[in-house]
Amino acid sequence: MGLVVRLGALVLALVLAGPASAGFYKWVDENGKLHFAQDLTQVPVRYRAQAEANSKKASGPSRVQKIESPGPARVAPRSRTGSASGVGKKSYTIRVQRAGTSMRVMVRINNSLDVPFIIDTGASDVKLPEWAVERLNLDLSEARTQVYQTANGLVESPVVVLQSVQLGGARADSVPASVSSSMDIGLLGLTFFNRFNYNIDAARGLVTLTPNDLEETGGIRGGRSEAQWRTAYRHLAARMRRVEAEADRTPDSRSREHARLEALMEELERQLEKLDEEADLAKVPFAWRE
């Protein structure tokens, strides 16, 4: 099966200093539980001093991909799938927290945990910080990994499928997400936005989402477009071919190196099985897996 990555436009940008910066308040309660809020009035009175102090401490330039504001005019990008569907469906307008050219929102994950995110429609997947994975009790021990192009180069990250991702009243189910151990805030990428026609009004700080019918019509599967699925398979194939080529170049006398490469190939074959399982659940056509 042909499986190599087309990294170009499907990129993930990396990290920023912390979720408490630029209007997010962070505090730890008496049970040691971490909380976030966009407004100080949402913080219990006894924790406000702590939340304000954390907000003031958060500093430093953001390193995530920015959304450039065009000025007062409304920006209305289509979903990257190019669908104009959604006529007659309910729209959801969400006010966002501006942080320079970034737009930050609170997102509910798996109907149980509120996590701060930056809107990044240039990111191929939703990106979830590792602390949120721990609080959601998600098991990464058997997760497959995928390599992403970031501002700091190639990064290999575990991939999970979230039960639900909800921004305001707009909800998407079975959302693929990569996991980052180096960031405290998430990136809300295309595996969420592919489900909607969206308007981003950067000047007014508003995002409007209208569900499209791409899942019903098969334009996307499991939140990913055909191009995104092909990217995942092709990239994995490229990794496997590199290992095979390295094994062919390695002299037979280097038994330890052959053993290492054999173990690596077995792991890549396991990841291919996991990717196929994910694709089967999403009913991905075999033509998209080449």
Protein backbone atom coordinates (compact mmCIF):
# COMPACT_ATOMS: atom_id res chain seq x y z
CA MET A 1 0.00 0.00 0.00
CA GLY A 2 1.45 3.34 -0.89
CA LEU A 3 1.78 5.38 2.17
CA VAL A 4 4.53 9.92 2.31
CA VAL A 5 3.91 13.08 3.68
CA ARG A 6 2.83 16.15 1.94
CA LEU A 7 3.75 18.55 4.68
CA GLY A 8 3.25 21.97 2.94
CA ALA A 9 -0.04 23.54 3.93
CA LEU A 10 -0.97 20.91 6.52
CA VAL A 11 1.33 22.19 9.24
CA LEU A 12 1.11 22.61 12.94
CA ALA A 13 2.60 25.66 14.48
CA LEU A 14 4.07 25.35 17.96
CA VAL A 15 3.88 26.58 21.38
CA LEU A 16 3.38 29.61 23.46
CA ALA A 17 4.42 30.74 26.87
CA GLY A 18 1.35 29.71 28.93
CA PRO A 19 -2.44 29.63 29.11
CA ALA A 20 -2.69 32.35 31.73
CA SER A 21 -1.35 35.07 29.47
CA ALA A 22 -3.39 37.73 27.66
CA GLY A 23 -6.68 37.50 29.51
CA PHE A 24 -6.63 33.90 30.77
CA TYR A 25 -6.66 33.38 34.52
CA LYS A 26 -5.21 30.25 36.10
CA TRP A 27 -5.53 29.02 39.67
CA VAL A 28 -5.18 25.84 41.71
CA ASP A 29 -7.90 25.00 44.24
CA GLU A 30 -7.48 23.43 47.68
CA ASN A 31 -7.66 19.95 46.11
CA GLY A 32 -4.77 20.69 43.80
CA LYS A 33 -7.01 20.92 40.71
CA LEU A 34 -5.97 23.35 37.97
CA HIS A 35 -8.63 25.75 36.60
CA PHE A 36 -8.78 28.34 33.79
CA ALA A 37 -11.13 31.25 33.10
CA GLN A 38 -11.27 34.05 30.54
CA ASP A 39 -12.80 36.59 32.92
CA LEU A 40 -11.74 37.39 36.50
CA THR A 41 -15.40 37.41 37.57
CA GLN A 42 -15.52 33.69 36.75
CA VAL A 43 -12.83 33.01 39.35
CA PRO A 44 -14.06 32.24 42.92
CA VAL A 45 -13.35 35.22 45.17
CA ARG A 46 -10.90 33.33 47.39
CA TYR A 47 -8.74 32.46 44.38
CA ARG A 48 -8.76 35.79 42.56
CA ALA A 49 -5.50 37.06 44.05
CA GLN A 50 -3.77 33.86 42.92
CA ALA A 51 -5.36 34.05 39.47
CA GLU A 52 -4.39 37.70 39.02
CA ALA A 53 -0.82 36.95 40.08
CA ASN A 54 -0.58 34.07 37.60
CA SER A 55 -1.95 36.28 34.85
CA LYS A 56 0.66 38.96 35.52
CA LYS A 57 3.47 36.40 35.57
CA ALA A 58 2.64 35.07 32.13
CA SER A 59 4.75 36.94 29.61
CA GLY A 60 6.90 36.49 26.56
CA PRO A 61 6.14 36.46 22.84
CA SER A 62 3.74 33.92 21.44
CA ARG A 63 5.36 31.32 19.21
CA VAL A 64 2.20 29.99 17.62
CA GLN A 65 0.98 30.69 14.13
CA LYS A 66 -0.83 34.04 14.03
CA ILE A 67 -4.13 35.02 12.45
CA GLU A 68 -3.50 38.32 10.72
CA SER A 69 -6.20 40.93 11.20
CA PRO A 70 -7.11 42.74 7.98
CA GLY A 71 -8.56 45.73 9.81
CA PRO A 72 -12.24 46.55 10.30
CA ALA A 73 -13.45 44.51 7.32
CA ARG A 74 -14.94 41.06 8.02
CA VAL A 75 -12.79 38.08 7.16
CA ALA A 76 -14.82 35.15 5.87
CA PRO A 77 -12.60 32.21 4.93
CA ARG A 78 -14.32 29.05 3.78
CA SER A 79 -13.58 25.72 5.33
CA ARG A 80 -10.56 24.29 3.53
CA THR A 81 -12.75 21.55 2.15
CA GLY A 82 -14.33 24.26 -0.01
CA SER A 83 -17.91 23.43 0.92
CA ALA A 84 -20.61 26.08 0.73
CA SER A 85 -23.10 23.83 2.53
CA GLY A 86 -24.79 24.64 5.80
CA VAL A 87 -27.74 26.63 4.42
CA GLY A 88 -30.60 26.56 6.91
CA LYS A 89 -28.47 25.21 9.75
CA LYS A 90 -28.03 26.99 13.05
CA SER A 91 -24.99 29.23 13.33
CA TYR A 92 -22.98 29.80 16.48
CA THR A 93 -21.16 33.06 17.18
CA ILE A 94 -18.41 32.94 19.79
CA ARG A 95 -16.56 35.90 21.24
CA VAL A 96 -12.83 35.28 21.46
CA GLN A 97 -10.05 36.71 23.58
CA ARG A 98 -7.62 38.71 21.47
CA ALA A 99 -3.92 38.29 22.24
CA GLY A 100 -2.05 40.35 19.69
CA THR A 101 -2.87 38.69 16.37
CA SER A 102 -3.89 35.43 18.06
CA MET A 103 -7.45 34.52 19.04
CA ARG A 104 -7.97 32.48 22.20
CA VAL A 105 -11.01 30.54 23.31
CA MET A 106 -12.07 28.08 25.99
CA VAL A 107 -13.02 24.69 24.52
CA ARG A 108 -14.78 21.82 26.27
CA ILE A 109 -13.14 18.46 25.60
CA ASN A 110 -15.04 15.17 25.97
CA ASN A 111 -17.88 17.08 27.63
CA SER A 112 -15.85 17.25 30.84
CA LEU A 113 -12.76 19.48 30.73
CA ASP A 114 -12.41 23.13 29.70
CA VAL A 115 -9.08 23.78 27.96
CA PRO A 116 -7.71 27.07 26.58
CA PHE A 117 -7.00 26.99 22.83
CA ILE A 118 -5.71 29.29 20.14
CA ILE A 119 -7.66 29.26 16.88
CA ASP A 120 -5.33 28.04 14.14
CA THR A 121 -7.04 27.13 10.87
CA GLY A 122 -3.59 26.53 9.39
CA ALA A 123 -3.08 23.53 11.67
CA SER A 124 -4.05 20.19 10.16
CA ASP A 125 -5.11 18.68 13.48
CA VAL A 126 -6.38 19.83 16.83
CA LYS A 127 -3.37 19.93 19.17
CA LEU A 128 -3.96 19.09 22.83
CA PRO A 129 -1.52 19.86 25.67
CA GLU A 130 -0.29 16.86 27.63
CA TRP A 131 -1.66 18.14 30.96
CA ALA A 132 -5.16 17.98 29.47
CA VAL A 133 -4.58 14.40 28.30
CA GLU A 134 -3.64 13.46 31.88
CA ARG A 135 -6.74 15.12 33.33
CA LEU A 136 -8.92 13.37 30.76
CA ASN A 137 -7.31 10.02 31.71
CA LEU A 138 -6.47 9.25 28.09
CA ASP A 139 -4.11 6.31 27.58
CA LEU A 140 -1.21 7.11 25.26
CA SER A 141 0.64 3.83 25.76
CA GLU A 142 -0.78 2.30 22.57
CA ALA A 143 -1.31 5.51 20.61
CA ARG A 144 0.14 5.85 17.14
CA THR A 145 2.38 8.81 16.38
CA GLN A 146 2.57 11.23 13.49
CA VAL A 147 5.30 13.63 12.45
CA TYR A 148 4.28 17.27 12.01
CA GLN A 149 6.10 20.21 10.48
CA THR A 150 6.37 23.01 13.06
CA ALA A 151 8.13 26.33 13.36
CA ASN A 152 10.95 24.47 15.13
CA GLY A 153 11.22 21.63 12.61
CA LEU A 154 9.74 18.14 12.54
CA VAL A 155 8.04 16.94 15.73
CA GLU A 156 6.67 13.44 16.36
CA SER A 157 3.50 13.47 18.49
CA PRO A 158 1.03 10.86 19.76
CA VAL A 159 -2.41 10.96 18.13
CA VAL A 160 -5.70 10.36 19.96
CA VAL A 161 -9.34 10.58 18.89
CA LEU A 162 -11.34 12.83 21.23
CA GLN A 163 -14.96 11.96 21.92
CA SER A 164 -16.04 15.57 21.47
CA VAL A 165 -14.70 19.10 21.03
CA GLN A 166 -17.13 21.95 21.74
CA LEU A 167 -16.63 25.67 21.15
CA GLY A 168 -19.64 27.59 22.40
CA GLY A 169 -22.62 25.68 21.04
CA ALA A 170 -20.67 24.25 18.10
CA ARG A 171 -19.75 20.63 18.74
CA ALA A 172 -17.75 18.07 16.76
CA ASP A 173 -17.54 14.38 17.68
CA SER A 174 -14.71 11.89 17.09
CA VAL A 175 -12.03 14.52 16.59
CA PRO A 176 -8.42 13.41 15.88
CA ALA A 177 -5.90 15.36 17.93
CA SER A 178 -2.15 15.29 18.40
CA VAL A 179 -0.62 15.63 21.86
CA SER A 180 2.12 18.05 22.84
CA SER A 181 4.31 17.82 25.93
CA SER A 182 5.85 21.23 25.26
CA MET A 183 2.83 23.54 25.31
CA ASP A 184 0.29 24.61 27.91
CA ILE A 185 -2.45 25.70 25.55
CA GLY A 186 -4.09 23.89 22.63
CA LEU A 187 -4.36 24.69 18.94
CA LEU A 188 -7.83 24.42 17.41
CA GLY A 189 -7.13 23.11 13.93
CA LEU A 190 -8.84 21.63 10.89
CA THR A 191 -9.99 18.33 12.38
CA PHE A 192 -12.47 20.57 14.23
CA PHE A 193 -13.02 23.32 11.65
CA ASN A 194 -13.54 20.90 8.74
CA ARG A 195 -17.01 20.24 10.18
CA PHE A 196 -18.09 23.89 9.78
CA ASN A 197 -18.30 26.83 7.45
CA TYR A 198 -16.59 29.51 9.48
CA ASN A 199 -16.25 33.29 9.49
CA ILE A 200 -13.46 34.90 11.50
CA ASP A 201 -13.93 38.57 12.30
CA ALA A 202 -10.53 39.34 13.81
CA ALA A 203 -11.26 43.04 14.20
CA ARG A 204 -14.37 42.45 16.35
CA GLY A 205 -13.09 39.31 18.01
CA LEU A 206 -15.87 37.03 16.78
CA VAL A 207 -15.95 33.59 15.22
CA THR A 208 -19.12 32.29 13.55
CA LEU A 209 -19.51 28.56 12.90
CA THR A 210 -22.24 26.92 10.81
CA PRO A 211 -22.26 23.11 10.59
CA ASN A 212 -21.75 21.85 7.03
CA ASP A 213 -22.84 18.51 5.59
CA LEU A 214 -19.41 17.20 4.60
CA GLU A 215 -19.54 14.28 7.01
CA GLU A 216 -22.98 13.24 5.76
CA THR A 217 -21.92 13.49 2.10
CA GLY A 218 -18.52 11.86 2.62
CA GLY A 219 -16.46 14.97 1.87
CA ILE A 220 -14.61 14.39 5.15
CA ARG A 221 -14.16 11.25 7.23
CA GLY A 222 -13.44 11.39 10.94
CA GLY A 223 -12.86 15.13 10.67
CA ARG A 224 -10.16 14.76 8.01
CA SER A 225 -10.28 15.54 4.32
CA GLU A 226 -9.05 13.12 1.66
CA ALA A 227 -5.78 15.08 1.44
CA GLN A 228 -5.25 14.77 5.20
CA TRP A 229 -5.82 11.01 5.21
CA ARG A 230 -3.50 10.55 2.24
CA THR A 231 -0.88 12.64 4.04
CA ALA A 232 -1.01 10.40 7.12
CA TYR A 233 -0.62 7.22 5.06
CA ARG A 234 2.05 8.54 2.73
CA HIS A 235 4.09 9.90 5.57
CA LEU A 236 4.02 6.56 7.38
CA ALA A 237 5.03 4.81 4.17
CA ALA A 238 7.98 7.18 3.79
CA ARG A 239 9.16 6.36 7.30
CA MET A 240 8.97 2.63 6.56
CA ARG A 241 10.91 3.01 3.30
CA ARG A 242 13.65 4.96 5.07
CA VAL A 243 14.06 2.18 7.63
CA GLU A 244 14.18 -0.46 4.87
CA ALA A 245 16.79 1.54 2.97
CA GLU A 246 18.90 1.96 6.08
CA ALA A 247 18.71 -1.79 6.77
CA ASP A 248 19.83 -2.52 3.20
CA ARG A 249 22.86 -0.25 3.64
CA THR A 250 23.84 -1.74 6.99
CA PRO A 251 26.50 -4.52 6.81
CA ASP A 252 25.36 -7.93 8.05
CA SER A 253 28.14 -7.82 10.64
CA ARG A 254 26.36 -5.03 12.52
CA SER A 255 23.84 -7.30 14.21
CA ARG A 256 22.83 -4.80 16.90
CA GLU A 257 21.97 -2.17 14.30
CA HIS A 258 19.93 -4.70 12.33
CA ALA A 259 18.08 -5.63 15.51
CA ARG A 260 17.33 -1.96 16.19
CA LEU A 261 16.04 -1.39 12.68
CA GLU A 262 13.94 -4.55 12.83
CA ALA A 263 12.33 -3.36 16.08
CA LEU A 264 11.69 0.06 14.52
CA MET A 265 10.03 -1.54 11.50
CA GLU A 266 7.82 -3.64 13.77
CA GLU A 267 6.74 -0.47 15.58
CA LEU A 268 5.93 1.26 12.28
CA GLU A 269 3.90 -1.76 11.19
CA ARG A 270 1.99 -1.55 14.50
CA GLN A 271 1.34 2.12 13.82
CA LEU A 272 0.02 1.26 10.37
CA GLU A 273 -2.42 -1.16 11.99
CA LYS A 274 -3.55 1.59 14.39
CA LEU A 275 -3.98 4.03 11.52
CA ASP A 276 -6.05 1.44 9.65
CA GLU A 277 -8.21 0.92 12.75
CA GLU A 278 -8.79 4.68 12.97
CA ALA A 279 -9.61 4.83 9.26
CA ASP A 280 -11.97 1.84 9.51
CA LEU A 281 -13.92 3.49 12.33
CA ALA A 282 -14.18 6.67 10.23
CA LYS A 283 -15.21 4.61 7.16
CA VAL A 284 -12.36 6.03 5.11
CA PRO A 285 -12.38 4.77 1.49
CA PHE A 286 -9.41 2.60 0.55
CA ALA A 287 -8.65 5.03 -2.28
CA TRP A 288 -7.83 7.65 0.40
CA ARG A 289 -5.28 5.33 2.03
CA GLU A 290 -2.87 5.14 -0.90
